[in-house]
């Protein structure tokens, strides 16, 4: 692959990659770092891409998701050892980091606190449920495409979405005291 081919891929997919990363890591600077790592992987592994198994877009989505999940795992590990600060300011309980700007028609949040709460709940979901919710509800991707990206059947995706929604509803209700 030459430099101009890579630049074409980068220019076409940079927004997609950044947005996916941002929906996972919830911090602009971290999303930029993760997106950069995604493109490093794309550059190094493009020769391994097989157009018969997935579209280039699907392949790039998979790399972005996996890189984001790896980042979150590493961050969680560092947090266990005390190298990372809390998400919240100790005095005011306000988020220390930027929260992704989500404007999806299925999420009618009226204030920033509700949005932050929902995003934190989504972050607490198991990886596959989190990915299903982010891609279908936040990224607004069709279920068929999400199933392909996740390499699962449509029925399995629907099951993941159902379990994720139930968990989110349960956590929201428990926080509201119901």
N, C-alpha and C. Protein backbone atom coordinates (compact mmCIF):
# COMPACT_ATOMS: atom_id res chain seq x y z
N UNK A 1 0.86 -1.18 0.00
CA UNK A 1 0.00 0.00 0.00
C UNK A 1 0.90 1.24 0.00
N UNK A 2 0.56 2.17 -0.86
CA UNK A 2 1.35 3.39 -0.90
C UNK A 2 0.69 4.47 -0.04
N UNK A 3 1.41 5.57 0.10
CA UNK A 3 0.96 6.66 0.98
C UNK A 3 -0.37 7.26 0.53
N UNK A 4 -0.57 7.42 -0.77
CA UNK A 4 -1.81 8.03 -1.25
C UNK A 4 -3.02 7.13 -1.00
N UNK A 5 -2.84 5.80 -1.08
CA UNK A 5 -3.94 4.88 -0.76
C UNK A 5 -4.32 5.01 0.71
N UNK A 6 -3.31 5.05 1.56
CA UNK A 6 -3.59 5.20 2.99
C UNK A 6 -4.28 6.53 3.28
N UNK A 7 -3.84 7.59 2.64
CA UNK A 7 -4.46 8.91 2.84
C UNK A 7 -5.92 8.89 2.41
N UNK A 8 -6.24 8.20 1.35
CA UNK A 8 -7.64 8.07 0.92
C UNK A 8 -8.47 7.37 1.99
N UNK A 9 -7.94 6.28 2.52
CA UNK A 9 -8.64 5.54 3.58
C UNK A 9 -8.79 6.43 4.81
N UNK A 10 -7.72 7.09 5.19
CA UNK A 10 -7.76 7.96 6.36
C UNK A 10 -8.81 9.06 6.19
N UNK A 11 -8.78 9.74 5.06
CA UNK A 11 -9.72 10.84 4.83
C UNK A 11 -11.17 10.37 4.79
N UNK A 12 -11.40 9.17 4.28
CA UNK A 12 -12.77 8.66 4.20
C UNK A 12 -13.30 8.20 5.56
N UNK A 13 -12.43 7.66 6.40
CA UNK A 13 -12.90 7.02 7.63
C UNK A 13 -12.49 7.71 8.93
N UNK A 14 -11.80 8.84 8.86
CA UNK A 14 -11.32 9.46 10.10
C UNK A 14 -12.46 9.89 11.03
N UNK A 15 -13.54 10.43 10.49
CA UNK A 15 -14.67 10.84 11.34
C UNK A 15 -15.36 9.64 11.95
N UNK A 16 -15.58 8.61 11.16
CA UNK A 16 -16.22 7.39 11.65
C UNK A 16 -15.41 6.80 12.81
N UNK A 17 -14.10 6.67 12.61
CA UNK A 17 -13.23 6.08 13.63
C UNK A 17 -13.23 6.94 14.89
N UNK A 18 -13.07 8.25 14.74
CA UNK A 18 -13.05 9.13 15.90
C UNK A 18 -14.36 9.04 16.68
N UNK A 19 -15.49 9.08 15.98
CA UNK A 19 -16.79 9.03 16.66
C UNK A 19 -16.99 7.71 17.40
N UNK A 20 -16.63 6.60 16.79
CA UNK A 20 -16.75 5.31 17.48
C UNK A 20 -15.88 5.31 18.73
N UNK A 21 -14.65 5.76 18.61
CA UNK A 21 -13.75 5.80 19.76
C UNK A 21 -14.30 6.72 20.86
N UNK A 22 -14.83 7.87 20.46
CA UNK A 22 -15.37 8.82 21.43
C UNK A 22 -16.56 8.22 22.19
N UNK A 23 -17.40 7.46 21.50
CA UNK A 23 -18.55 6.85 22.16
C UNK A 23 -18.13 5.79 23.19
N UNK A 24 -16.96 5.23 23.01
CA UNK A 24 -16.46 4.26 23.97
C UNK A 24 -15.71 4.92 25.11
N UNK A 25 -14.78 5.81 24.80
CA UNK A 25 -13.88 6.33 25.84
C UNK A 25 -14.39 7.60 26.51
N UNK A 26 -15.36 8.29 25.90
CA UNK A 26 -16.03 9.45 26.49
C UNK A 26 -15.12 10.62 26.82
N UNK A 27 -14.00 10.72 26.12
CA UNK A 27 -13.07 11.81 26.36
C UNK A 27 -12.40 12.15 25.03
N UNK A 28 -12.43 13.40 24.64
CA UNK A 28 -11.94 13.80 23.31
C UNK A 28 -10.47 13.46 23.09
N UNK A 29 -9.63 13.79 24.07
CA UNK A 29 -8.20 13.54 23.91
C UNK A 29 -7.91 12.04 23.81
N UNK A 30 -8.56 11.26 24.66
CA UNK A 30 -8.37 9.80 24.60
C UNK A 30 -8.89 9.25 23.27
N UNK A 31 -10.02 9.77 22.80
CA UNK A 31 -10.58 9.31 21.53
C UNK A 31 -9.61 9.62 20.38
N UNK A 32 -8.97 10.77 20.43
CA UNK A 32 -7.98 11.10 19.40
C UNK A 32 -6.80 10.13 19.44
N UNK A 33 -6.34 9.82 20.66
CA UNK A 33 -5.23 8.87 20.80
C UNK A 33 -5.61 7.49 20.30
N UNK A 34 -6.80 7.03 20.67
CA UNK A 34 -7.25 5.70 20.25
C UNK A 34 -7.43 5.69 18.74
N UNK A 35 -8.01 6.73 18.18
CA UNK A 35 -8.21 6.80 16.73
C UNK A 35 -6.87 6.76 16.00
N UNK A 36 -5.89 7.43 16.55
CA UNK A 36 -4.55 7.40 15.95
C UNK A 36 -4.01 5.97 15.95
N UNK A 37 -4.20 5.27 17.06
CA UNK A 37 -3.76 3.88 17.14
C UNK A 37 -4.49 3.00 16.12
N UNK A 38 -5.77 3.29 15.91
CA UNK A 38 -6.56 2.55 14.94
C UNK A 38 -5.93 2.69 13.56
N UNK A 39 -5.57 3.91 13.19
CA UNK A 39 -5.00 4.11 11.85
C UNK A 39 -3.59 3.54 11.73
N UNK A 40 -2.87 3.49 12.83
CA UNK A 40 -1.57 2.81 12.80
C UNK A 40 -1.79 1.32 12.51
N UNK A 41 -2.78 0.73 13.18
CA UNK A 41 -3.10 -0.69 12.93
C UNK A 41 -3.57 -0.91 11.50
N UNK A 42 -4.42 -0.02 11.02
CA UNK A 42 -4.90 -0.14 9.64
C UNK A 42 -3.71 -0.11 8.69
N UNK A 43 -2.82 0.84 8.91
CA UNK A 43 -1.65 0.97 8.03
C UNK A 43 -0.79 -0.29 8.06
N UNK A 44 -0.57 -0.84 9.24
CA UNK A 44 0.29 -2.02 9.36
C UNK A 44 -0.38 -3.32 8.91
N UNK A 45 -1.69 -3.37 8.96
CA UNK A 45 -2.39 -4.63 8.69
C UNK A 45 -3.26 -4.61 7.44
N UNK A 46 -3.21 -3.55 6.67
CA UNK A 46 -4.07 -3.48 5.49
C UNK A 46 -3.80 -4.63 4.52
N UNK A 47 -2.57 -5.10 4.48
CA UNK A 47 -2.26 -6.23 3.60
C UNK A 47 -2.98 -7.51 4.02
N UNK A 48 -3.46 -7.55 5.27
CA UNK A 48 -4.20 -8.72 5.78
C UNK A 48 -5.71 -8.61 5.54
N UNK A 49 -6.16 -7.44 5.14
CA UNK A 49 -7.59 -7.24 4.89
C UNK A 49 -8.05 -8.13 3.74
N UNK A 50 -9.17 -8.83 3.97
CA UNK A 50 -9.75 -9.71 2.95
C UNK A 50 -11.14 -9.19 2.59
N UNK A 51 -11.30 -8.62 1.39
CA UNK A 51 -12.59 -8.05 1.00
C UNK A 51 -13.70 -9.10 0.86
N UNK A 52 -13.33 -10.37 0.85
CA UNK A 52 -14.34 -11.43 0.73
C UNK A 52 -14.98 -11.78 2.06
N UNK A 53 -14.35 -11.40 3.16
CA UNK A 53 -14.91 -11.70 4.48
C UNK A 53 -15.68 -10.53 5.08
N UNK A 54 -15.33 -9.31 4.68
CA UNK A 54 -16.02 -8.12 5.21
C UNK A 54 -15.67 -6.92 4.34
N UNK A 55 -16.56 -5.93 4.36
CA UNK A 55 -16.26 -4.69 3.65
C UNK A 55 -15.14 -3.96 4.40
N UNK A 56 -14.49 -3.04 3.72
CA UNK A 56 -13.42 -2.25 4.35
C UNK A 56 -13.98 -1.48 5.55
N UNK A 57 -15.18 -0.92 5.39
CA UNK A 57 -15.81 -0.17 6.48
C UNK A 57 -16.04 -1.06 7.70
N UNK A 58 -16.53 -2.27 7.48
CA UNK A 58 -16.76 -3.21 8.58
C UNK A 58 -15.45 -3.57 9.25
N UNK A 59 -14.43 -3.82 8.47
CA UNK A 59 -13.12 -4.17 9.00
C UNK A 59 -12.57 -3.02 9.86
N UNK A 60 -12.74 -1.79 9.38
CA UNK A 60 -12.27 -0.63 10.13
C UNK A 60 -13.08 -0.44 11.41
N UNK A 61 -14.41 -0.64 11.34
CA UNK A 61 -15.23 -0.59 12.55
C UNK A 61 -14.71 -1.58 13.59
N UNK A 62 -14.45 -2.79 13.17
CA UNK A 62 -13.96 -3.82 14.11
C UNK A 62 -12.67 -3.40 14.78
N UNK A 63 -11.76 -2.85 13.99
CA UNK A 63 -10.48 -2.40 14.57
C UNK A 63 -10.73 -1.27 15.57
N UNK A 64 -11.58 -0.31 15.22
CA UNK A 64 -11.87 0.82 16.11
C UNK A 64 -12.53 0.34 17.41
N UNK A 65 -13.46 -0.58 17.30
CA UNK A 65 -14.13 -1.11 18.50
C UNK A 65 -13.13 -1.85 19.37
N UNK A 66 -12.36 -2.74 18.77
CA UNK A 66 -11.40 -3.52 19.56
C UNK A 66 -10.34 -2.64 20.20
N UNK A 67 -9.86 -1.64 19.47
CA UNK A 67 -8.87 -0.73 20.03
C UNK A 67 -9.46 0.07 21.19
N UNK A 68 -10.71 0.50 21.05
CA UNK A 68 -11.39 1.24 22.12
C UNK A 68 -11.58 0.35 23.35
N UNK A 69 -12.00 -0.88 23.14
CA UNK A 69 -12.18 -1.81 24.26
C UNK A 69 -10.84 -2.12 24.93
N UNK A 70 -9.78 -2.28 24.13
CA UNK A 70 -8.46 -2.50 24.70
C UNK A 70 -8.02 -1.31 25.54
N UNK A 71 -8.29 -0.11 25.04
CA UNK A 71 -7.96 1.10 25.80
C UNK A 71 -8.69 1.12 27.14
N UNK A 72 -9.99 0.80 27.11
CA UNK A 72 -10.78 0.80 28.36
C UNK A 72 -10.27 -0.26 29.33
N UNK A 73 -9.90 -1.42 28.83
CA UNK A 73 -9.35 -2.47 29.70
C UNK A 73 -8.05 -2.00 30.34
N UNK A 74 -7.18 -1.40 29.55
CA UNK A 74 -5.91 -0.91 30.08
C UNK A 74 -6.14 0.20 31.11
N UNK A 75 -7.10 1.06 30.81
CA UNK A 75 -7.42 2.15 31.75
C UNK A 75 -7.95 1.58 33.06
N UNK A 76 -8.79 0.55 32.96
CA UNK A 76 -9.34 -0.09 34.15
C UNK A 76 -8.23 -0.75 34.97
N UNK A 77 -7.29 -1.37 34.29
CA UNK A 77 -6.17 -2.00 34.97
C UNK A 77 -5.31 -0.96 35.69
N UNK A 78 -5.03 0.15 34.99
CA UNK A 78 -4.25 1.22 35.62
C UNK A 78 -5.00 1.80 36.82
N UNK A 79 -6.31 1.89 36.69
CA UNK A 79 -7.12 2.46 37.77
C UNK A 79 -7.01 1.58 39.02
N UNK A 80 -6.98 0.27 38.81
CA UNK A 80 -6.86 -0.64 39.96
C UNK A 80 -5.60 -0.38 40.76
N UNK A 81 -4.57 0.09 40.06
CA UNK A 81 -3.31 0.33 40.73
C UNK A 81 -3.15 1.79 41.15
N UNK A 82 -4.20 2.56 40.99
CA UNK A 82 -4.19 3.93 41.50
C UNK A 82 -3.50 4.94 40.61
N UNK A 83 -3.23 4.60 39.37
CA UNK A 83 -2.54 5.53 38.48
C UNK A 83 -3.48 6.48 37.76
N UNK A 84 -4.75 6.31 37.96
CA UNK A 84 -5.72 7.13 37.23
C UNK A 84 -6.63 7.82 38.24
N UNK A 85 -7.02 9.01 37.95
CA UNK A 85 -7.89 9.71 38.87
C UNK A 85 -9.34 9.33 38.62
N UNK A 86 -10.18 9.70 39.51
CA UNK A 86 -11.61 9.44 39.38
C UNK A 86 -12.18 10.19 38.19
N UNK A 87 -13.29 9.70 37.66
CA UNK A 87 -14.00 10.40 36.60
C UNK A 87 -14.62 11.69 37.12
N UNK A 88 -14.83 11.75 38.44
CA UNK A 88 -15.53 12.88 39.01
C UNK A 88 -14.60 13.72 39.89
N UNK A 89 -14.83 15.01 39.87
CA UNK A 89 -14.09 15.93 40.73
C UNK A 89 -14.47 15.62 42.18
N UNK A 90 -13.51 15.45 43.07
CA UNK A 90 -13.83 15.03 44.45
C UNK A 90 -14.69 16.02 45.22
N UNK A 91 -14.61 17.31 44.92
CA UNK A 91 -15.36 18.31 45.66
C UNK A 91 -16.78 18.52 45.14
N UNK A 92 -16.94 18.46 43.82
CA UNK A 92 -18.24 18.83 43.26
C UNK A 92 -18.99 17.68 42.60
N UNK A 93 -18.38 16.51 42.47
CA UNK A 93 -18.97 15.37 41.78
C UNK A 93 -19.27 15.65 40.31
N UNK A 94 -18.64 16.67 39.73
CA UNK A 94 -18.78 16.93 38.30
C UNK A 94 -17.75 16.11 37.55
N UNK A 95 -18.10 15.74 36.31
CA UNK A 95 -17.16 14.97 35.49
C UNK A 95 -15.90 15.78 35.25
N UNK A 96 -14.75 15.13 35.39
CA UNK A 96 -13.49 15.79 35.10
C UNK A 96 -13.18 15.79 33.61
N UNK A 97 -13.77 14.86 32.88
CA UNK A 97 -13.46 14.67 31.47
C UNK A 97 -14.66 15.03 30.61
N UNK A 98 -14.39 15.32 29.34
CA UNK A 98 -15.46 15.63 28.40
C UNK A 98 -16.37 14.42 28.23
N UNK A 99 -17.65 14.69 28.09
CA UNK A 99 -18.62 13.65 27.79
C UNK A 99 -18.98 13.77 26.33
N UNK A 100 -19.10 12.64 25.66
CA UNK A 100 -19.44 12.67 24.24
C UNK A 100 -20.76 13.38 24.01
N UNK A 101 -20.83 14.11 22.93
CA UNK A 101 -22.07 14.78 22.55
C UNK A 101 -22.90 13.80 21.74
N UNK A 102 -24.00 13.35 22.31
CA UNK A 102 -24.85 12.38 21.66
C UNK A 102 -26.17 13.05 21.32
N UNK A 103 -26.55 12.99 20.07
CA UNK A 103 -27.84 13.55 19.68
C UNK A 103 -28.56 12.52 18.83
N UNK A 104 -29.05 11.52 19.48
CA UNK A 104 -29.76 10.44 18.79
C UNK A 104 -31.25 10.60 19.08
N UNK A 105 -32.11 10.44 18.07
CA UNK A 105 -33.54 10.64 18.29
C UNK A 105 -34.15 9.68 19.31
N UNK A 106 -33.53 8.53 19.54
CA UNK A 106 -34.06 7.58 20.51
C UNK A 106 -33.69 7.92 21.94
N UNK A 107 -32.81 8.89 22.11
CA UNK A 107 -32.39 9.28 23.45
C UNK A 107 -32.80 10.72 23.66
N UNK A 108 -33.93 10.94 24.32
CA UNK A 108 -34.43 12.29 24.53
C UNK A 108 -34.02 12.85 25.87
N UNK A 109 -32.77 13.14 26.06
CA UNK A 109 -32.29 13.66 27.33
C UNK A 109 -32.50 15.16 27.41
N UNK A 110 -33.00 15.61 28.54
CA UNK A 110 -33.27 17.04 28.68
C UNK A 110 -32.13 17.80 29.34
N UNK A 111 -31.28 17.12 30.03
CA UNK A 111 -30.18 17.84 30.65
C UNK A 111 -28.91 17.00 30.64
N UNK A 112 -27.81 17.68 30.84
CA UNK A 112 -26.49 17.05 30.75
C UNK A 112 -26.30 15.95 31.79
N UNK A 113 -26.85 16.14 32.99
CA UNK A 113 -26.70 15.14 34.04
C UNK A 113 -27.32 13.81 33.63
N UNK A 114 -28.49 13.86 33.04
CA UNK A 114 -29.14 12.63 32.59
C UNK A 114 -28.34 11.95 31.50
N UNK A 115 -27.78 12.73 30.60
CA UNK A 115 -26.96 12.18 29.54
C UNK A 115 -25.70 11.55 30.11
N UNK A 116 -25.05 12.22 31.03
CA UNK A 116 -23.85 11.67 31.66
C UNK A 116 -24.18 10.36 32.37
N UNK A 117 -25.30 10.34 33.08
CA UNK A 117 -25.71 9.13 33.79
C UNK A 117 -25.94 7.99 32.82
N UNK A 118 -26.63 8.26 31.72
CA UNK A 118 -26.89 7.23 30.73
C UNK A 118 -25.59 6.72 30.11
N UNK A 119 -24.68 7.62 29.76
CA UNK A 119 -23.41 7.21 29.17
C UNK A 119 -22.58 6.36 30.14
N UNK A 120 -22.61 6.72 31.40
CA UNK A 120 -21.88 5.92 32.39
C UNK A 120 -22.50 4.53 32.55
N UNK A 121 -23.81 4.44 32.47
CA UNK A 121 -24.48 3.14 32.53
C UNK A 121 -24.11 2.31 31.30
N UNK A 122 -24.12 2.94 30.13
CA UNK A 122 -23.73 2.22 28.91
C UNK A 122 -22.29 1.71 29.04
N UNK A 123 -21.42 2.53 29.62
CA UNK A 123 -20.03 2.11 29.80
C UNK A 123 -19.90 0.90 30.71
N UNK A 124 -20.86 0.71 31.61
CA UNK A 124 -20.78 -0.40 32.56
C UNK A 124 -21.32 -1.71 31.98
N UNK A 125 -21.91 -1.67 30.80
CA UNK A 125 -22.46 -2.88 30.18
C UNK A 125 -21.33 -3.82 29.76
N UNK A 126 -21.64 -5.12 29.66
CA UNK A 126 -20.66 -6.05 29.09
C UNK A 126 -20.29 -5.60 27.67
N UNK A 127 -19.09 -5.94 27.22
CA UNK A 127 -18.55 -5.43 25.95
C UNK A 127 -19.49 -5.60 24.76
N UNK A 128 -20.05 -6.78 24.59
CA UNK A 128 -20.90 -7.02 23.41
C UNK A 128 -22.18 -6.21 23.49
N UNK A 129 -22.78 -6.09 24.67
CA UNK A 129 -23.99 -5.28 24.81
C UNK A 129 -23.66 -3.81 24.57
N UNK A 130 -22.53 -3.36 25.10
CA UNK A 130 -22.11 -1.97 24.92
C UNK A 130 -21.92 -1.68 23.43
N UNK A 131 -21.26 -2.58 22.73
CA UNK A 131 -21.03 -2.40 21.30
C UNK A 131 -22.34 -2.37 20.54
N UNK A 132 -23.26 -3.26 20.87
CA UNK A 132 -24.56 -3.30 20.19
C UNK A 132 -25.32 -1.99 20.39
N UNK A 133 -25.33 -1.47 21.61
CA UNK A 133 -26.03 -0.21 21.90
C UNK A 133 -25.34 0.96 21.20
N UNK A 134 -24.04 1.05 21.30
CA UNK A 134 -23.32 2.17 20.70
C UNK A 134 -23.54 2.21 19.19
N UNK A 135 -23.40 1.06 18.54
CA UNK A 135 -23.52 1.05 17.08
C UNK A 135 -24.95 1.25 16.60
N UNK A 136 -25.93 0.67 17.29
CA UNK A 136 -27.31 0.79 16.80
C UNK A 136 -27.99 2.08 17.27
N UNK A 137 -27.78 2.45 18.49
CA UNK A 137 -28.52 3.59 19.05
C UNK A 137 -27.77 4.91 18.99
N UNK A 138 -26.47 4.89 19.17
CA UNK A 138 -25.71 6.13 19.16
C UNK A 138 -25.15 6.41 17.76
N UNK A 139 -24.55 5.39 17.15
CA UNK A 139 -24.03 5.56 15.79
C UNK A 139 -25.13 5.43 14.75
N UNK A 140 -26.29 4.94 15.13
CA UNK A 140 -27.47 4.81 14.26
C UNK A 140 -27.20 3.95 13.03
N UNK A 141 -26.48 2.84 13.24
CA UNK A 141 -26.18 1.92 12.15
C UNK A 141 -27.30 0.90 12.04
N UNK A 142 -27.61 0.44 10.83
CA UNK A 142 -28.64 -0.60 10.67
C UNK A 142 -28.23 -1.90 11.35
N UNK A 143 -29.22 -2.64 11.86
CA UNK A 143 -28.92 -3.87 12.58
C UNK A 143 -28.13 -4.87 11.73
N UNK A 144 -28.44 -4.95 10.45
CA UNK A 144 -27.73 -5.88 9.58
C UNK A 144 -26.23 -5.54 9.54
N UNK A 145 -25.93 -4.25 9.43
CA UNK A 145 -24.53 -3.82 9.40
C UNK A 145 -23.85 -4.07 10.75
N UNK A 146 -24.56 -3.80 11.83
CA UNK A 146 -23.99 -4.02 13.17
C UNK A 146 -23.72 -5.50 13.39
N UNK A 147 -24.64 -6.35 12.97
CA UNK A 147 -24.44 -7.79 13.09
C UNK A 147 -23.19 -8.22 12.33
N UNK A 148 -22.99 -7.65 11.15
CA UNK A 148 -21.80 -7.97 10.36
C UNK A 148 -20.54 -7.48 11.06
N UNK A 149 -20.57 -6.25 11.58
CA UNK A 149 -19.41 -5.70 12.28
C UNK A 149 -19.06 -6.56 13.49
N UNK A 150 -20.09 -6.98 14.23
CA UNK A 150 -19.86 -7.76 15.43
C UNK A 150 -19.66 -9.25 15.14
N UNK A 151 -19.88 -9.62 13.88
CA UNK A 151 -19.74 -11.01 13.45
C UNK A 151 -20.69 -11.93 14.23
N UNK A 152 -21.96 -11.50 14.31
CA UNK A 152 -23.00 -12.28 14.96
C UNK A 152 -24.23 -12.31 14.04
N UNK A 153 -25.14 -13.23 14.32
CA UNK A 153 -26.40 -13.28 13.58
C UNK A 153 -27.32 -12.16 14.07
N UNK A 154 -28.27 -11.77 13.24
CA UNK A 154 -29.23 -10.72 13.59
C UNK A 154 -29.95 -11.07 14.89
N UNK A 155 -30.36 -12.32 15.04
CA UNK A 155 -31.08 -12.73 16.26
C UNK A 155 -30.20 -12.56 17.49
N UNK A 156 -28.93 -12.87 17.37
CA UNK A 156 -28.01 -12.69 18.50
C UNK A 156 -27.87 -11.20 18.83
N UNK A 157 -27.81 -10.36 17.80
CA UNK A 157 -27.74 -8.92 18.02
C UNK A 157 -29.00 -8.43 18.72
N UNK A 158 -30.16 -8.88 18.26
CA UNK A 158 -31.42 -8.47 18.89
C UNK A 158 -31.45 -8.89 20.36
N UNK A 159 -30.92 -10.06 20.65
CA UNK A 159 -30.86 -10.53 22.04
C UNK A 159 -29.92 -9.65 22.87
N UNK A 160 -28.77 -9.30 22.31
CA UNK A 160 -27.84 -8.41 23.00
C UNK A 160 -28.48 -7.05 23.28
N UNK A 161 -29.19 -6.53 22.29
CA UNK A 161 -29.86 -5.24 22.47
C UNK A 161 -30.93 -5.31 23.55
N UNK A 162 -31.69 -6.38 23.54
CA UNK A 162 -32.76 -6.55 24.53
C UNK A 162 -32.17 -6.62 25.95
N UNK A 163 -31.11 -7.41 26.12
CA UNK A 163 -30.48 -7.52 27.44
C UNK A 163 -29.88 -6.19 27.86
N UNK A 164 -29.26 -5.48 26.92
CA UNK A 164 -28.67 -4.18 27.24
C UNK A 164 -29.75 -3.20 27.68
N UNK A 165 -30.85 -3.15 26.94
CA UNK A 165 -31.95 -2.25 27.30
C UNK A 165 -32.52 -2.58 28.67
N UNK A 166 -32.68 -3.86 28.96
CA UNK A 166 -33.19 -4.27 30.27
C UNK A 166 -32.24 -3.84 31.38
N UNK A 167 -30.95 -4.02 31.16
CA UNK A 167 -29.97 -3.62 32.16
C UNK A 167 -29.98 -2.12 32.37
N UNK A 168 -30.04 -1.37 31.29
CA UNK A 168 -30.07 0.10 31.38
C UNK A 168 -31.31 0.55 32.13
N UNK A 169 -32.48 -0.01 31.77
CA UNK A 169 -33.73 0.36 32.46
C UNK A 169 -33.65 0.02 33.94
N UNK A 170 -33.11 -1.14 34.26
CA UNK A 170 -33.00 -1.58 35.66
C UNK A 170 -32.09 -0.62 36.44
N UNK A 171 -30.96 -0.25 35.86
CA UNK A 171 -30.04 0.66 36.55
C UNK A 171 -30.62 2.07 36.68
N UNK A 172 -31.33 2.52 35.66
CA UNK A 172 -31.97 3.84 35.77
C UNK A 172 -33.04 3.84 36.86
N UNK A 173 -33.84 2.76 36.90
CA UNK A 173 -34.89 2.67 37.92
C UNK A 173 -34.29 2.61 39.32
N UNK A 174 -33.20 1.87 39.49
CA UNK A 174 -32.58 1.74 40.82
C UNK A 174 -31.99 3.07 41.27
N UNK A 175 -31.50 3.88 40.34
CA UNK A 175 -30.96 5.20 40.68
C UNK A 175 -32.05 6.19 41.03
N UNK A 176 -33.22 5.96 40.46
CA UNK A 176 -34.36 6.85 40.76
C UNK A 176 -35.11 6.41 42.00
N UNK A 177 -34.74 5.25 42.53
CA UNK A 177 -35.37 4.78 43.76
C UNK A 177 -36.67 4.03 43.55
N UNK A 178 -36.91 3.52 42.36
CA UNK A 178 -38.15 2.78 42.10
C UNK A 178 -37.93 1.29 42.23
